[in-house]
Amino acid sequence: MLEQYTKYDYLFSNLRPNAIGGIKIFSRDDDFIIQQKYDAITDEEHGIWSRLFTKLINPLDRYACAEYINGLAALGLRQDKMPNFAELNPIIKEASGWELVPVAGFLDEYVFFELNANRKFPVTDIVRQSDRMDEKYSDGAIQNEDDYTPEPDVFHDVRGHVPMLMNKEYGDFLADVGILGHRILTDDEGLGPNLVAHNLKRLQNFAWWTYEFGIMEKQEGTDTLRKETNDMNHEIYGAGIMSSYAETLHIAACSKGENSYSEFFPYNIEEAVMTRFDYSEIQDRYFVIDSMDSLYKSFYDNQDLFWYKG
């Protein structure tokens, strides 16, 4: 993991300790690709999925961006059953060229970005609050709550990320983020491990503040897709928010001035790539983009930010 290389961390703001201690992390040396045994999913697991899914139906219909709402409708996810990856893959492949790859758990950055560079999105087959999650971490405690677990589970992966992958432009962008991450890690320019780690942390910051925890200005026309009008001035596109009932409502409360815990900053890619983050808490800040197109443009126009040479 890159956390051992800290020579250039002083350049970052909002430095935080590593909050994923105790999580089982899979590398290229591990057998991380698995087969989803859909028939073995228990009623308990289907029930957890259904509970989590149902709580978010109305908030996401009201506050998610158009790309997410359209993608969710096209996927046809079931409310009462966990997703069958084999059934979803042809739908996603046709829409954006991506496919889901079932994996054993949290992947290190080498595996994650290599998969993304090849339009393969890793998804776990385990759901939070389940007996299987308890058994996996029986030798140590991790947060394992309805609204958060530090190990991405099937609900975060599929309910949070996958609807956005039904949008071709978004899929192209995410693949290019993966290609950039893979290029940084292969270190063709011979920068050495400290600079590789630093530049990848910059990319991880960008990913965190955008496609994981990003919000945007309210877009004209999106309300025509909703059952209920969006009553805040923002829309959500980050998967980490959209897979958390608590954080979704938190965004709405902050946007409407009912909660002052988190600050909303105008998106600036230089600031985003130099700001670290905390895995384990509701975010204390969010960067607000103007639109998805403006996000894409900022990424492609500022590639030099990810090639710091010391």
Protein backbone atom coordinates (compact mmCIF):
# COMPACT_ATOMS: atom_id res chain seq x y z
CA MET A 1 0.00 0.00 0.00
CA LEU A 2 1.10 3.55 -0.70
CA GLU A 3 0.63 4.79 2.86
CA GLN A 4 4.19 3.79 3.74
CA TYR A 5 5.55 6.49 1.41
CA THR A 6 5.05 9.86 3.08
CA LYS A 7 7.98 12.00 1.90
CA TYR A 8 5.73 14.44 0.02
CA ASP A 9 2.67 14.28 2.27
CA TYR A 10 3.53 17.69 3.70
CA LEU A 11 2.28 19.19 0.42
CA PHE A 12 -1.28 18.03 1.14
CA SER A 13 -3.91 19.78 3.22
CA ASN A 14 -6.37 18.02 5.53
CA LEU A 15 -3.91 15.23 6.35
CA ARG A 16 -5.67 12.32 8.05
CA PRO A 17 -4.47 9.03 9.52
CA ASN A 18 -5.09 5.88 7.56
CA ALA A 19 -8.62 4.84 8.52
CA ILE A 20 -8.76 1.41 6.86
CA GLY A 21 -6.75 -0.49 9.43
CA GLY A 22 -8.01 -4.03 9.89
CA ILE A 23 -9.48 -4.29 6.39
CA LYS A 24 -8.39 -7.31 4.40
CA ILE A 25 -6.69 -6.02 1.26
CA PHE A 26 -6.15 -8.16 -1.85
CA SER A 27 -3.20 -7.71 -4.21
CA ARG A 28 -2.05 -9.14 -7.53
CA ASP A 29 -0.50 -12.06 -5.64
CA ASP A 30 -3.89 -13.10 -4.25
CA ASP A 31 -6.76 -14.98 -5.86
CA PHE A 32 -8.98 -11.91 -5.77
CA ILE A 33 -11.38 -12.79 -8.63
CA ILE A 34 -14.28 -14.95 -7.48
CA GLN A 35 -17.51 -16.33 -8.86
CA GLN A 36 -20.78 -14.97 -7.54
CA LYS A 37 -22.74 -17.92 -6.18
CA TYR A 38 -26.12 -16.31 -6.62
CA ASP A 39 -28.15 -19.34 -5.57
CA ALA A 40 -26.26 -19.39 -2.25
CA ILE A 41 -27.36 -15.88 -1.25
CA THR A 42 -29.45 -16.17 1.91
CA ASP A 43 -32.83 -14.67 2.69
CA GLU A 44 -31.04 -12.59 5.33
CA GLU A 45 -28.79 -11.04 2.69
CA HIS A 46 -31.65 -10.36 0.28
CA GLY A 47 -33.50 -8.76 3.19
CA ILE A 48 -30.60 -6.44 4.06
CA TRP A 49 -30.30 -5.39 0.42
CA SER A 50 -34.04 -4.71 0.31
CA ARG A 51 -33.95 -2.64 3.50
CA LEU A 52 -31.04 -0.51 2.32
CA PHE A 53 -32.47 -0.13 -1.19
CA THR A 54 -35.93 0.87 0.01
CA LYS A 55 -34.67 3.58 2.38
CA LEU A 56 -32.91 5.32 -0.50
CA ILE A 57 -35.62 5.16 -3.19
CA ASN A 58 -37.20 8.51 -2.43
CA PRO A 59 -34.05 10.46 -1.41
CA LEU A 60 -32.15 9.44 -4.54
CA ASP A 61 -35.10 10.06 -6.82
CA ARG A 62 -35.24 13.56 -5.35
CA TYR A 63 -31.55 14.43 -5.11
CA ALA A 64 -29.47 12.28 -7.50
CA CYS A 65 -28.23 13.61 -10.84
CA ALA A 66 -29.86 12.79 -14.17
CA GLU A 67 -27.12 10.34 -15.18
CA TYR A 68 -27.81 8.30 -12.06
CA ILE A 69 -31.60 8.39 -12.33
CA ASN A 70 -31.52 7.33 -15.98
CA GLY A 71 -28.92 4.65 -15.31
CA LEU A 72 -30.84 3.16 -12.42
CA ALA A 73 -33.99 2.94 -14.52
CA ALA A 74 -32.12 1.26 -17.39
CA LEU A 75 -30.47 -1.29 -15.09
CA GLY A 76 -33.75 -2.53 -13.66
CA LEU A 77 -32.30 -3.42 -10.26
CA ARG A 78 -34.69 -5.35 -8.06
CA GLN A 79 -35.67 -3.86 -4.74
CA ASP A 80 -36.27 -7.23 -3.07
CA LYS A 81 -33.28 -9.23 -4.32
CA MET A 82 -29.54 -8.72 -4.41
CA PRO A 83 -28.23 -8.19 -7.95
CA ASN A 84 -27.14 -11.04 -10.17
CA PHE A 85 -23.93 -9.85 -11.84
CA ALA A 86 -24.30 -12.22 -14.78
CA GLU A 87 -27.65 -10.60 -15.61
CA LEU A 88 -26.35 -7.04 -15.24
CA ASN A 89 -23.19 -7.43 -17.30
CA PRO A 90 -24.77 -7.56 -20.80
CA ILE A 91 -26.80 -4.43 -19.99
CA ILE A 92 -23.78 -2.46 -18.76
CA LYS A 93 -21.53 -3.73 -21.54
CA GLU A 94 -23.94 -2.52 -24.21
CA ALA A 95 -24.35 0.89 -22.55
CA SER A 96 -20.71 1.82 -21.87
CA GLY A 97 -18.40 -1.11 -22.58
CA TRP A 98 -17.87 -1.84 -18.88
CA GLU A 99 -18.36 -5.13 -17.08
CA LEU A 100 -18.60 -6.15 -13.44
CA VAL A 101 -15.88 -8.40 -12.00
CA PRO A 102 -16.75 -10.17 -8.72
CA VAL A 103 -13.85 -9.81 -6.26
CA ALA A 104 -13.07 -11.10 -2.79
CA GLY A 105 -12.94 -7.70 -1.12
CA PHE A 106 -10.96 -4.46 -0.87
CA LEU A 107 -8.34 -4.30 -3.65
CA ASP A 108 -5.02 -2.53 -3.52
CA GLU A 109 -4.47 0.37 -5.88
CA TYR A 110 -2.48 -1.67 -8.42
CA VAL A 111 -5.31 -4.13 -9.00
CA PHE A 112 -8.06 -1.51 -8.82
CA PHE A 113 -6.63 0.86 -11.43
CA GLU A 114 -5.55 -1.95 -13.74
CA LEU A 115 -9.10 -3.31 -13.75
CA ASN A 116 -10.59 0.14 -14.32
CA ALA A 117 -8.15 0.83 -17.15
CA ASN A 118 -9.67 -2.19 -18.90
CA ARG A 119 -13.28 -1.15 -18.19
CA LYS A 120 -13.69 -3.79 -15.50
CA PHE A 121 -15.41 -2.62 -12.33
CA PRO A 122 -14.70 -4.69 -9.20
CA VAL A 123 -17.77 -5.58 -7.15
CA THR A 124 -17.95 -7.61 -3.97
CA ASP A 125 -20.69 -10.17 -3.39
CA ILE A 126 -21.02 -9.52 0.34
CA VAL A 127 -23.44 -7.08 1.96
CA ARG A 128 -22.95 -5.05 5.15
CA GLN A 129 -24.65 -6.20 8.39
CA SER A 130 -24.76 -9.80 7.15
CA ASP A 131 -23.54 -12.95 8.87
CA ARG A 132 -20.93 -13.33 6.13
CA MET A 133 -19.52 -9.86 6.85
CA ASP A 134 -19.42 -10.67 10.59
CA GLU A 135 -17.69 -13.96 9.85
CA LYS A 136 -15.13 -12.32 7.54
CA TYR A 137 -14.08 -9.97 10.34
CA SER A 138 -14.63 -12.28 13.30
CA ASP A 139 -11.02 -11.73 14.38
CA GLY A 140 -11.38 -7.96 14.68
CA ALA A 141 -13.98 -5.22 14.73
CA ILE A 142 -14.68 -2.88 11.80
CA GLN A 143 -17.51 -0.43 11.33
CA ASN A 144 -20.39 -2.43 9.92
CA GLU A 145 -23.50 -0.30 9.92
CA ASP A 146 -26.45 0.34 7.61
CA ASP A 147 -24.96 3.66 6.52
CA TYR A 148 -21.27 2.82 6.42
CA THR A 149 -18.66 0.12 6.23
CA PRO A 150 -15.02 0.86 5.30
CA GLU A 151 -14.91 -2.22 3.07
CA PRO A 152 -16.98 -1.47 -0.04
CA ASP A 153 -19.84 -3.97 -0.14
CA VAL A 154 -22.23 -4.98 -2.89
CA PHE A 155 -24.66 -2.22 -1.95
CA HIS A 156 -22.06 0.52 -2.32
CA ASP A 157 -20.63 -0.99 -5.50
CA VAL A 158 -23.90 -1.63 -7.31
CA ARG A 159 -26.42 0.83 -5.84
CA GLY A 160 -23.81 3.60 -5.66
CA HIS A 161 -21.52 3.21 -8.67
CA VAL A 162 -23.11 1.03 -11.32
CA PRO A 163 -26.03 3.26 -12.42
CA MET A 164 -23.48 5.91 -13.46
CA LEU A 165 -21.72 3.31 -15.62
CA MET A 166 -24.80 3.19 -17.81
CA ASN A 167 -23.74 6.60 -19.14
CA LYS A 168 -21.20 6.25 -21.98
CA GLU A 169 -19.48 9.59 -21.39
CA TYR A 170 -19.09 8.87 -17.68
CA GLY A 171 -17.80 5.38 -18.50
CA ASP A 172 -15.16 6.82 -20.82
CA PHE A 173 -14.08 9.27 -18.11
CA LEU A 174 -13.81 6.56 -15.45
CA ALA A 175 -11.78 4.34 -17.76
CA ASP A 176 -9.39 7.22 -18.43
CA VAL A 177 -8.96 7.77 -14.68
CA GLY A 178 -8.05 4.08 -14.47
CA ILE A 179 -5.58 4.37 -17.35
CA LEU A 180 -3.91 7.34 -15.66
CA GLY A 181 -3.68 5.48 -12.36
CA HIS A 182 -2.14 2.48 -14.08
CA ARG A 183 0.39 4.70 -15.88
CA ILE A 184 1.42 6.36 -12.62
CA LEU A 185 1.90 2.99 -10.94
CA THR A 186 3.98 1.46 -13.74
CA ASP A 187 6.40 4.42 -13.34
CA ASP A 188 7.60 4.47 -16.93
CA GLU A 189 9.26 7.83 -16.20
CA GLY A 190 11.37 6.38 -13.39
CA LEU A 191 10.18 8.78 -10.68
CA GLY A 192 10.69 6.28 -7.86
CA PRO A 193 8.33 4.97 -5.17
CA ASN A 194 7.93 8.20 -3.18
CA LEU A 195 6.80 10.26 -6.17
CA VAL A 196 4.69 7.41 -7.53
CA ALA A 197 2.91 7.20 -4.18
CA HIS A 198 2.48 10.96 -4.01
CA ASN A 199 1.05 11.24 -7.53
CA LEU A 200 -1.30 8.35 -6.96
CA LYS A 201 -2.50 9.94 -3.73
CA ARG A 202 -3.28 13.02 -5.81
CA LEU A 203 -5.39 10.86 -8.13
CA GLN A 204 -7.06 9.17 -5.16
CA ASN A 205 -7.94 12.59 -3.76
CA PHE A 206 -9.45 13.57 -7.10
CA ALA A 207 -11.48 10.35 -7.20
CA TRP A 208 -12.65 10.78 -3.61
CA TRP A 209 -13.88 14.34 -4.00
CA THR A 210 -15.53 13.67 -7.38
CA TYR A 211 -16.95 10.28 -8.28
CA GLU A 212 -17.03 9.05 -4.68
CA PHE A 213 -18.26 12.13 -2.78
CA GLY A 214 -19.09 14.68 -5.46
CA ILE A 215 -22.05 17.04 -5.72
CA MET A 216 -22.98 19.51 -8.45
CA GLU A 217 -25.09 22.58 -8.96
CA LYS A 218 -28.75 21.81 -9.60
CA GLN A 219 -29.17 21.16 -13.32
CA GLU A 220 -31.94 22.52 -15.48
CA GLY A 221 -34.41 19.86 -16.59
CA THR A 222 -33.50 17.12 -14.11
CA ASP A 223 -36.70 17.61 -12.12
CA THR A 224 -38.68 16.28 -15.07
CA LEU A 225 -37.19 12.87 -14.26
CA ARG A 226 -38.23 12.94 -10.61
CA LYS A 227 -41.39 11.95 -8.80
CA GLU A 228 -40.81 14.80 -6.35
CA THR A 229 -39.13 18.14 -7.07
CA ASN A 230 -35.59 18.62 -5.76
CA ASP A 231 -35.89 21.19 -2.98
CA MET A 232 -32.18 21.95 -2.65
CA ASN A 233 -29.75 23.79 -4.91
CA HIS A 234 -27.51 20.78 -5.56
CA GLU A 235 -27.56 17.30 -7.07
CA ILE A 236 -25.55 14.26 -6.01
CA TYR A 237 -23.34 12.20 -8.31
CA GLY A 238 -20.85 10.63 -5.86
CA ALA A 239 -21.34 6.91 -5.18
CA GLY A 240 -20.20 7.16 -1.55
CA ILE A 241 -23.06 9.55 -0.86
CA MET A 242 -25.67 7.70 -2.90
CA SER A 243 -25.04 4.41 -1.09
CA SER A 244 -25.55 6.08 2.32
CA TYR A 245 -28.98 7.16 3.49
CA ALA A 246 -27.44 9.27 6.27
CA GLU A 247 -24.99 11.09 4.01
CA THR A 248 -27.61 11.73 1.34
CA LEU A 249 -29.88 13.41 3.91
CA HIS A 250 -26.85 15.21 5.36
CA ILE A 251 -26.11 16.75 1.96
CA ALA A 252 -29.70 17.96 1.69
CA ALA A 253 -29.63 19.46 5.19
CA CYS A 254 -26.35 21.28 4.53
CA SER A 255 -27.52 22.53 1.14
CA LYS A 256 -30.71 23.94 2.69
CA GLY A 257 -28.87 25.58 5.59
CA GLU A 258 -30.30 23.22 8.20
CA ASN A 259 -26.88 21.79 9.13
CA SER A 260 -23.54 23.64 9.23
CA TYR A 261 -21.22 20.68 9.87
CA SER A 262 -19.98 20.42 6.28
CA GLU A 263 -18.80 23.20 3.99
CA PHE A 264 -19.54 23.34 0.27
CA PHE A 265 -16.63 24.69 -1.78
CA PRO A 266 -16.68 25.62 -5.47
CA TYR A 267 -14.84 22.83 -7.27
CA ASN A 268 -11.22 23.59 -8.06
CA ILE A 269 -9.25 20.62 -9.35
CA GLU A 270 -5.96 21.87 -7.89
CA GLU A 271 -7.50 22.15 -4.46
CA ALA A 272 -9.26 18.78 -4.76
CA VAL A 273 -6.15 16.83 -5.74
CA MET A 274 -4.19 18.32 -2.82
CA THR A 275 -6.84 17.63 -0.15
CA ARG A 276 -6.73 14.33 1.74
CA PHE A 277 -9.82 12.62 3.16
CA ASP A 278 -11.19 10.41 5.90
CA TYR A 279 -12.72 7.04 5.09
CA SER A 280 -14.56 6.68 8.36
CA GLU A 281 -16.73 9.78 8.90
CA ILE A 282 -19.35 11.81 7.08
CA GLN A 283 -17.34 14.30 5.05
CA ASP A 284 -16.71 17.75 6.53
CA ARG A 285 -16.46 19.31 3.05
CA TYR A 286 -17.68 18.78 -0.50
CA PHE A 287 -16.52 20.26 -3.80
CA VAL A 288 -19.37 21.46 -6.01
CA ILE A 289 -18.92 21.07 -9.77
CA ASP A 290 -20.91 23.09 -12.29
CA SER A 291 -21.83 20.02 -14.37
CA MET A 292 -20.50 16.61 -15.37
CA ASP A 293 -19.08 18.13 -18.56
CA SER A 294 -17.11 20.67 -16.52
CA LEU A 295 -15.72 17.83 -14.39
CA TYR A 296 -14.58 15.89 -17.44
CA LYS A 297 -12.95 18.98 -18.95
CA SER A 298 -11.09 19.78 -15.74
CA PHE A 299 -9.64 16.27 -15.65
CA TYR A 300 -8.48 16.20 -19.25
CA ASP A 301 -7.12 19.76 -19.19
CA ASN A 302 -5.04 19.29 -16.02
CA GLN A 303 -3.17 16.01 -16.42
CA ASP A 304 0.06 17.70 -15.31
CA LEU A 305 -1.30 17.85 -11.74
CA PHE A 306 -0.82 14.08 -11.50
CA TRP A 307 2.83 14.10 -12.61
CA TYR A 308 4.58 16.00 -9.83
CA LYS A 309 8.33 15.44 -10.15
CA GLY A 310 9.59 16.88 -6.87
